[in-house]
Amino acid sequence: MDCETDFDCPSTLVCYKDVSWDERERFCDCSTYYGWENLGSNCTDFGPQTRFYLSTASILLVVALPFVFIAIYDMKLFFDFPKARTLNKGVVTFIYCTLGLVSQVALSMFQLGSVSSPEDHVNEDDFGNEKLALYGFAERIFGMLGITFVFLSSLNISLVWLELSTRIKSLSLESTNKYNRIIYSCQAGFVLIVIIGVAFGTFYLSALIGLPYSILLLYLYKRGQDDFSKVLKAAGSAASNDQYYKLARLVKVTAIVVSVCMVGFFICASVFAALLAINWQEFSPAGSISLVVLFLQAAEVFVTVWIVALFWYSHINMRSMRIILSSSRKVQTSKGTTNMQVTSAQNNTLPARNSEGESCSI
């Protein structure tokens, strides 16, 4: 059957044009992007590509989901200690990381829903010439949200490292304000790139524009990790405290993982965007694994590891905050009890007790 767009094809079939792996010039067939097979059953059978897609999405979901539950537990801190609700850089980074994890979980779930529903591959895309899977648009949204929040989290953590090391070394806020302006400008610019990419579908252009941001982020992580690690090691040597050395190792490991994942993601995302811009059908032959989806899922692997590494760093920060606030509350409680005992002794009275012998407020 000759065709011009996907909507010239019946049911869930899509239109192929001038692909090297088939002799026909224009024809309707099952979507090789998702790997569905069997024209006789309206392309509802799962092929090798479908199973690959389902497997990778399931693995990424299983990896990211436990950290979402850890994040939910960490949120108890905001209910237990009102002081923790202050939106400092550590808390904002935790929020970004949590939203990034939720976005990755949602993306994997929508991918599973789309790949598992070949009969619903009938939706229009933004330009009206291609069919989208059931949750195709949601996949775009949460995919972009995931990389946005992971990028914002990365910038925030690098800012914290640079800020703390600058304050400790120079006791001046001038450099810190300079870093603030750089980081916040980068965050605003990156968010704008993502919005343009989603609105107009210009993923390849977004990848090219995002290259300077990635290079800058690599520099900030290298600079921030080096400076902050030196400060921590110096503090550990002066105080003879292993905790400083442990934190320095955590900073170094986080910086290495983030840098590797950032480079891996940018390479995979750029190749994916290039293949998509050229013609995804050419690189998705029937009966085999699509190169387009292969690089897409590889990019998602890097993003998932990236956001998990950032979240774990933020989780340790939140745990330390809980310990500090808990210790502070105990000290305040102890002081309050001591003051009450002194007052009772001066008045020759005792704290009131209920029938079970437990102290009551007076």
Protein backbone atom coordinates (compact mmCIF):
# COMPACT_ATOMS: atom_id res chain seq x y z
CA MET A 1 0.00 0.00 0.00
CA ASP A 2 1.41 3.38 -1.06
CA CYS A 3 1.44 6.09 1.62
CA GLU A 4 2.59 9.60 2.39
CA THR A 5 2.01 9.83 6.16
CA ASP A 6 1.25 7.35 8.93
CA PHE A 7 -2.42 8.21 8.70
CA ASP A 8 -2.60 6.85 5.16
CA CYS A 9 -2.02 3.45 6.78
CA PRO A 10 -4.83 1.49 8.46
CA SER A 11 -5.03 0.63 12.15
CA THR A 12 -1.66 0.80 13.96
CA LEU A 13 0.54 0.57 10.86
CA VAL A 14 3.05 3.31 10.00
CA CYS A 15 4.36 4.62 6.67
CA TYR A 16 7.91 3.79 5.54
CA LYS A 17 9.70 5.67 2.77
CA ASP A 18 12.87 4.70 0.88
CA VAL A 19 14.49 2.55 3.57
CA SER A 20 17.52 0.50 2.51
CA TRP A 21 16.39 -2.67 4.30
CA ASP A 22 13.26 -3.10 2.13
CA GLU A 23 12.85 -3.10 -1.66
CA ARG A 24 9.57 -1.20 -1.59
CA GLU A 25 9.69 2.58 -1.91
CA ARG A 26 6.65 3.49 0.19
CA PHE A 27 4.68 0.98 2.20
CA CYS A 28 2.69 0.45 5.40
CA ASP A 29 4.00 -1.92 8.04
CA CYS A 30 4.28 -2.53 11.78
CA SER A 31 6.24 0.02 13.80
CA THR A 32 9.86 -1.13 13.97
CA TYR A 33 10.55 1.58 16.56
CA TYR A 34 8.63 -0.46 19.12
CA GLY A 35 9.26 -3.78 17.38
CA TRP A 36 5.66 -4.94 17.00
CA GLU A 37 5.10 -7.73 14.48
CA ASN A 38 2.50 -9.72 12.53
CA LEU A 39 0.44 -7.73 10.04
CA GLY A 40 -2.29 -10.34 10.24
CA SER A 41 -3.02 -9.44 13.88
CA ASN A 42 -2.71 -5.66 13.34
CA CYS A 43 0.88 -5.65 14.67
CA THR A 44 0.05 -6.72 18.22
CA ASP A 45 2.77 -9.39 18.56
CA PHE A 46 5.99 -8.58 20.43
CA GLY A 47 9.27 -8.91 18.54
CA PRO A 48 12.95 -8.73 19.69
CA GLN A 49 12.86 -4.91 19.72
CA THR A 50 9.71 -4.91 21.87
CA ARG A 51 11.26 -7.29 24.40
CA PHE A 52 14.45 -5.18 24.51
CA TYR A 53 12.43 -2.02 25.12
CA LEU A 54 10.34 -3.67 27.86
CA SER A 55 13.44 -5.15 29.54
CA THR A 56 15.43 -1.91 29.69
CA ALA A 57 12.45 0.15 30.87
CA SER A 58 11.69 -2.42 33.58
CA ILE A 59 15.30 -2.50 34.81
CA LEU A 60 15.49 1.29 34.99
CA LEU A 61 12.18 1.37 36.87
CA VAL A 62 13.40 -1.20 39.40
CA VAL A 63 16.65 0.75 39.90
CA ALA A 64 15.05 4.17 40.43
CA LEU A 65 11.89 3.26 42.37
CA PRO A 66 13.57 2.28 45.71
CA PHE A 67 15.28 5.67 45.87
CA VAL A 68 11.90 7.37 45.51
CA PHE A 69 10.77 5.55 48.67
CA ILE A 70 13.98 6.63 50.42
CA ALA A 71 13.22 10.22 49.36
CA ILE A 72 9.72 9.93 50.81
CA TYR A 73 11.21 8.76 54.11
CA ASP A 74 13.71 11.64 54.05
CA MET A 75 10.79 14.06 53.72
CA LYS A 76 9.81 13.22 57.30
CA LEU A 77 12.59 15.60 58.25
CA PHE A 78 10.45 18.55 57.13
CA PHE A 79 7.60 17.44 59.41
CA ASP A 80 9.80 16.54 62.39
CA PHE A 81 11.89 19.72 62.37
CA PRO A 82 10.38 23.06 61.24
CA LYS A 83 13.88 24.51 60.84
CA ALA A 84 14.54 22.00 58.03
CA ARG A 85 11.87 23.69 55.87
CA THR A 86 14.20 26.59 55.11
CA LEU A 87 14.89 26.53 51.37
CA ASN A 88 18.68 26.56 51.50
CA LYS A 89 20.77 25.09 48.69
CA GLY A 90 20.89 21.65 50.33
CA VAL A 91 17.11 21.40 50.62
CA VAL A 92 16.56 22.75 47.10
CA THR A 93 19.03 20.19 45.74
CA PHE A 94 17.15 17.41 47.56
CA ILE A 95 13.88 18.62 45.98
CA TYR A 96 15.46 18.69 42.52
CA CYS A 97 16.89 15.18 42.99
CA THR A 98 13.55 13.82 44.20
CA LEU A 99 11.70 15.35 41.26
CA GLY A 100 14.33 13.93 38.93
CA LEU A 101 13.84 10.44 40.36
CA VAL A 102 10.06 10.74 40.11
CA SER A 103 10.42 11.87 36.48
CA GLN A 104 12.62 8.87 35.65
CA VAL A 105 10.18 6.47 37.32
CA ALA A 106 7.26 8.07 35.45
CA LEU A 107 9.17 7.87 32.15
CA SER A 108 9.87 4.16 32.60
CA MET A 109 6.25 3.49 33.53
CA PHE A 110 4.95 5.40 30.49
CA GLN A 111 7.43 3.57 28.24
CA LEU A 112 6.15 0.24 29.56
CA GLY A 113 2.58 1.38 28.99
CA SER A 114 3.29 2.53 25.42
CA VAL A 115 5.24 -0.56 24.37
CA SER A 116 2.64 -2.86 25.92
CA SER A 117 -0.25 -1.20 24.05
CA PRO A 118 0.32 -1.61 20.30
CA GLU A 119 -3.42 -1.43 19.62
CA ASP A 120 -3.41 2.21 20.86
CA HIS A 121 -0.68 3.38 18.47
CA VAL A 122 -3.03 5.80 16.73
CA ASN A 123 -2.50 9.22 18.35
CA GLU A 124 -1.31 12.23 16.36
CA ASP A 125 1.98 13.92 17.14
CA ASP A 126 2.42 17.71 17.26
CA PHE A 127 2.80 18.01 13.49
CA GLY A 128 0.02 15.60 12.52
CA ASN A 129 2.00 13.30 10.19
CA GLU A 130 3.14 10.55 12.54
CA LYS A 131 1.36 8.21 14.90
CA LEU A 132 2.33 8.29 18.55
CA ALA A 133 2.13 5.47 21.06
CA LEU A 134 -0.45 5.62 23.83
CA TYR A 135 1.80 7.62 26.19
CA GLY A 136 4.19 9.02 23.57
CA PHE A 137 3.71 12.66 24.53
CA ALA A 138 4.03 11.86 28.25
CA GLU A 139 7.33 10.10 27.50
CA ARG A 140 8.66 13.29 25.89
CA ILE A 141 7.56 15.45 28.81
CA PHE A 142 8.98 13.27 31.60
CA GLY A 143 12.14 12.51 29.64
CA MET A 144 12.86 16.23 29.38
CA LEU A 145 11.83 16.83 33.00
CA GLY A 146 14.25 14.13 34.15
CA ILE A 147 17.27 15.65 32.41
CA THR A 148 16.20 19.15 33.53
CA PHE A 149 16.11 18.23 37.21
CA VAL A 150 19.32 16.21 37.03
CA PHE A 151 21.06 19.20 35.44
CA LEU A 152 19.66 21.64 38.02
CA SER A 153 20.73 19.30 40.85
CA SER A 154 24.22 19.01 39.41
CA LEU A 155 24.63 22.76 39.16
CA ASN A 156 23.37 23.26 42.70
CA ILE A 157 25.82 20.75 44.18
CA SER A 158 28.76 22.24 42.30
CA LEU A 159 27.70 25.67 43.58
CA VAL A 160 27.66 24.40 47.18
CA TRP A 161 31.18 22.97 46.82
CA LEU A 162 32.53 26.18 45.30
CA GLU A 163 30.69 28.36 47.81
CA LEU A 164 31.89 26.50 50.91
CA SER A 165 35.49 26.24 49.76
CA THR A 166 35.54 29.94 48.81
CA ARG A 167 34.06 31.03 52.15
CA ILE A 168 36.46 28.92 54.16
CA LYS A 169 39.55 30.00 52.25
CA SER A 170 38.83 33.71 51.77
CA LEU A 171 36.01 34.51 54.23
CA SER A 172 34.58 36.68 51.46
CA LEU A 173 31.18 36.53 49.75
CA GLU A 174 32.30 38.30 46.56
CA SER A 175 33.39 35.12 44.74
CA THR A 176 30.34 33.27 46.03
CA ASN A 177 28.01 35.86 44.51
CA LYS A 178 29.88 35.51 41.24
CA TYR A 179 29.32 31.74 41.29
CA ASN A 180 25.67 32.28 42.16
CA ARG A 181 25.16 34.45 39.10
CA ILE A 182 26.90 31.92 36.84
CA ILE A 183 24.97 28.93 38.19
CA TYR A 184 21.55 30.57 38.14
CA SER A 185 22.12 31.93 34.62
CA CYS A 186 23.06 28.43 33.44
CA GLN A 187 19.98 26.93 35.10
CA ALA A 188 17.68 29.46 33.44
CA GLY A 189 19.33 28.96 30.05
CA PHE A 190 19.15 25.17 30.23
CA VAL A 191 15.47 25.21 31.21
CA LEU A 192 14.80 27.47 28.20
CA ILE A 193 16.57 24.99 25.90
CA VAL A 194 14.44 22.14 27.26
CA ILE A 195 11.22 24.11 26.76
CA ILE A 196 12.19 24.85 23.15
CA GLY A 197 13.07 21.19 22.55
CA VAL A 198 9.72 19.96 23.86
CA ALA A 199 7.63 22.66 22.20
CA PHE A 200 9.12 22.32 18.71
CA GLY A 201 10.57 18.80 18.76
CA THR A 202 14.05 20.14 17.90
CA PHE A 203 15.94 17.56 19.95
CA TYR A 204 19.05 17.65 17.77
CA LEU A 205 19.28 21.45 17.98
CA SER A 206 18.76 21.26 21.75
CA ALA A 207 21.62 18.76 22.04
CA LEU A 208 23.96 21.08 20.12
CA ILE A 209 22.99 24.12 22.18
CA GLY A 210 23.35 22.08 25.37
CA LEU A 211 26.99 21.19 24.61
CA PRO A 212 28.45 24.44 26.10
CA TYR A 213 26.41 23.87 29.26
CA SER A 214 27.77 20.35 29.60
CA ILE A 215 31.36 21.57 29.17
CA LEU A 216 30.78 24.30 31.76
CA LEU A 217 29.26 21.80 34.19
CA LEU A 218 32.26 19.48 33.80
CA TYR A 219 34.57 22.41 34.59
CA LEU A 220 32.52 23.42 37.64
CA TYR A 221 32.56 19.86 38.99
CA LYS A 222 36.30 19.53 38.49
CA ARG A 223 36.97 22.90 40.10
CA GLY A 224 34.44 22.43 42.91
CA GLN A 225 35.55 18.87 43.74
CA ASP A 226 39.24 19.83 43.81
CA ASP A 227 38.73 22.91 46.01
CA PHE A 228 36.24 21.35 48.40
CA SER A 229 38.26 18.13 48.80
CA LYS A 230 41.38 20.13 49.68
CA VAL A 231 39.46 22.07 52.33
CA LEU A 232 37.98 18.87 53.80
CA LYS A 233 41.33 17.08 53.90
CA ALA A 234 42.96 20.09 55.56
CA ALA A 235 40.16 20.19 58.15
CA GLY A 236 40.48 16.44 58.75
CA SER A 237 44.22 16.72 59.24
CA ALA A 238 43.85 19.64 61.68
CA ALA A 239 41.05 18.03 63.68
CA SER A 240 42.27 14.41 63.38
CA ASN A 241 38.74 13.47 62.31
CA ASP A 242 38.09 10.70 59.77
CA GLN A 243 34.65 12.10 58.96
CA TYR A 244 36.24 14.87 56.88
CA TYR A 245 38.19 12.31 54.85
CA LYS A 246 35.03 10.23 54.33
CA LEU A 247 33.17 13.30 53.08
CA ALA A 248 36.09 14.13 50.77
CA ARG A 249 35.88 10.61 49.29
CA LEU A 250 32.11 10.98 48.83
CA VAL A 251 32.62 14.30 47.04
CA LYS A 252 35.24 12.74 44.76
CA VAL A 253 33.14 9.66 43.91
CA THR A 254 30.06 11.82 43.25
CA ALA A 255 32.04 14.12 40.96
CA ILE A 256 33.51 11.18 39.00
CA VAL A 257 30.14 9.42 38.55
CA VAL A 258 28.42 12.65 37.51
CA SER A 259 31.17 13.50 35.01
CA VAL A 260 31.17 10.03 33.43
CA CYS A 261 27.37 9.93 33.21
CA MET A 262 27.23 13.44 31.81
CA VAL A 263 29.66 12.61 28.99
CA GLY A 264 27.95 9.27 28.31
CA PHE A 265 24.52 10.89 28.25
CA PHE A 266 25.55 13.69 25.93
CA ILE A 267 27.14 11.26 23.44
CA CYS A 268 24.14 8.91 23.43
CA ALA A 269 21.59 11.73 23.34
CA SER A 270 23.42 13.44 20.45
CA VAL A 271 23.55 10.21 18.42
CA PHE A 272 19.87 9.55 19.19
CA ALA A 273 18.89 13.07 18.11
CA ALA A 274 21.00 12.78 14.93
CA LEU A 275 19.46 9.43 13.93
CA LEU A 276 16.01 10.84 14.65
CA ALA A 277 16.70 13.89 12.50
CA ILE A 278 18.07 11.84 9.59
CA ASN A 279 15.31 9.20 9.56
CA TRP A 280 14.66 6.85 12.47
CA GLN A 281 13.12 4.28 10.09
CA GLU A 282 16.41 3.76 8.26
CA PHE A 283 18.08 2.70 11.49
CA SER A 284 15.21 0.52 12.73
CA PRO A 285 15.05 -2.50 10.39
CA ALA A 286 12.34 -5.09 10.93
CA GLY A 287 13.21 -8.05 13.14
CA SER A 288 16.23 -6.44 14.87
CA ILE A 289 17.11 -3.93 17.58
CA SER A 290 16.61 -0.30 16.56
CA LEU A 291 19.76 1.80 16.86
CA VAL A 292 17.57 4.79 17.67
CA VAL A 293 15.98 3.07 20.67
CA LEU A 294 19.32 1.53 21.67
CA PHE A 295 20.94 4.96 22.06
CA LEU A 296 17.79 6.38 23.67
CA GLN A 297 17.79 3.71 26.36
CA ALA A 298 21.56 4.01 26.82
CA ALA A 299 21.05 7.73 27.45
CA GLU A 300 18.33 6.87 29.99
CA VAL A 301 20.72 4.50 31.77
CA PHE A 302 23.26 7.31 32.16
CA VAL A 303 20.58 9.73 33.39
CA THR A 304 19.28 7.21 35.95
CA VAL A 305 22.75 6.48 37.37
CA TRP A 306 23.47 10.22 37.33
CA ILE A 307 20.36 11.19 39.32
CA VAL A 308 20.82 8.26 41.74
CA ALA A 309 24.41 9.40 42.49
CA LEU A 310 23.25 12.97 43.09
CA PHE A 311 20.32 11.83 45.22
CA TRP A 312 22.55 9.62 47.38
CA TYR A 313 24.83 12.58 48.06
CA SER A 314 21.77 14.68 48.92
CA HIS A 315 20.34 11.85 51.06
CA ILE A 316 23.53 11.75 53.16
CA ASN A 317 23.30 15.52 53.54
CA MET A 318 19.68 15.23 54.72
CA ARG A 319 20.66 12.47 57.16
CA SER A 320 23.40 14.69 58.58
CA MET A 321 20.90 17.53 58.90
CA ARG A 322 18.56 15.25 60.87
CA ILE A 323 21.38 14.30 63.27
CA ILE A 324 22.32 17.95 63.82
CA LEU A 325 18.74 19.10 64.37
CA SER A 326 18.00 16.15 66.63
CA SER A 327 21.09 16.90 68.75
CA SER A 328 20.10 20.55 68.93
CA ARG A 329 16.61 19.63 70.10
CA LYS A 330 18.01 17.33 72.79
CA VAL A 331 20.28 20.10 74.05
CA GLN A 332 17.35 22.53 74.21
CA THR A 333 15.19 19.94 75.96
CA SER A 334 17.96 19.26 78.46
CA LYS A 335 18.34 22.98 79.19
CA GLY A 336 14.58 23.33 79.61
CA THR A 337 14.47 20.40 82.07
CA THR A 338 17.37 21.83 84.08
CA ASN A 339 15.72 25.24 84.29
CA MET A 340 12.43 23.65 85.42
CA GLN A 341 14.21 21.67 88.14
CA VAL A 342 15.97 24.79 89.41
CA THR A 343 12.69 26.71 89.51
CA SER A 344 10.94 23.85 91.35
CA ALA A 345 13.67 23.68 93.93
CA GLN A 346 13.54 27.43 94.48
CA ASN A 347 9.77 27.26 94.98
CA ASN A 348 10.03 24.08 97.07
CA THR A 349 7.64 22.34 94.64
CA LEU A 350 7.78 19.29 92.37
CA PRO A 351 6.63 18.90 88.77
CA ALA A 352 3.04 17.76 88.57
CA ARG A 353 2.44 14.11 87.63
CA ASN A 354 -0.49 12.27 86.24
CA SER A 355 -2.00 9.09 87.66
CA GLU A 356 0.61 6.93 85.88
CA GLY A 357 3.49 8.86 87.32
CA GLU A 358 4.46 10.60 84.03
CA SER A 359 5.45 14.24 84.04
CA CYS A 360 2.84 16.70 82.79
CA SER A 361 3.28 20.22 81.48
CA ILE A 362 3.10 22.94 84.10
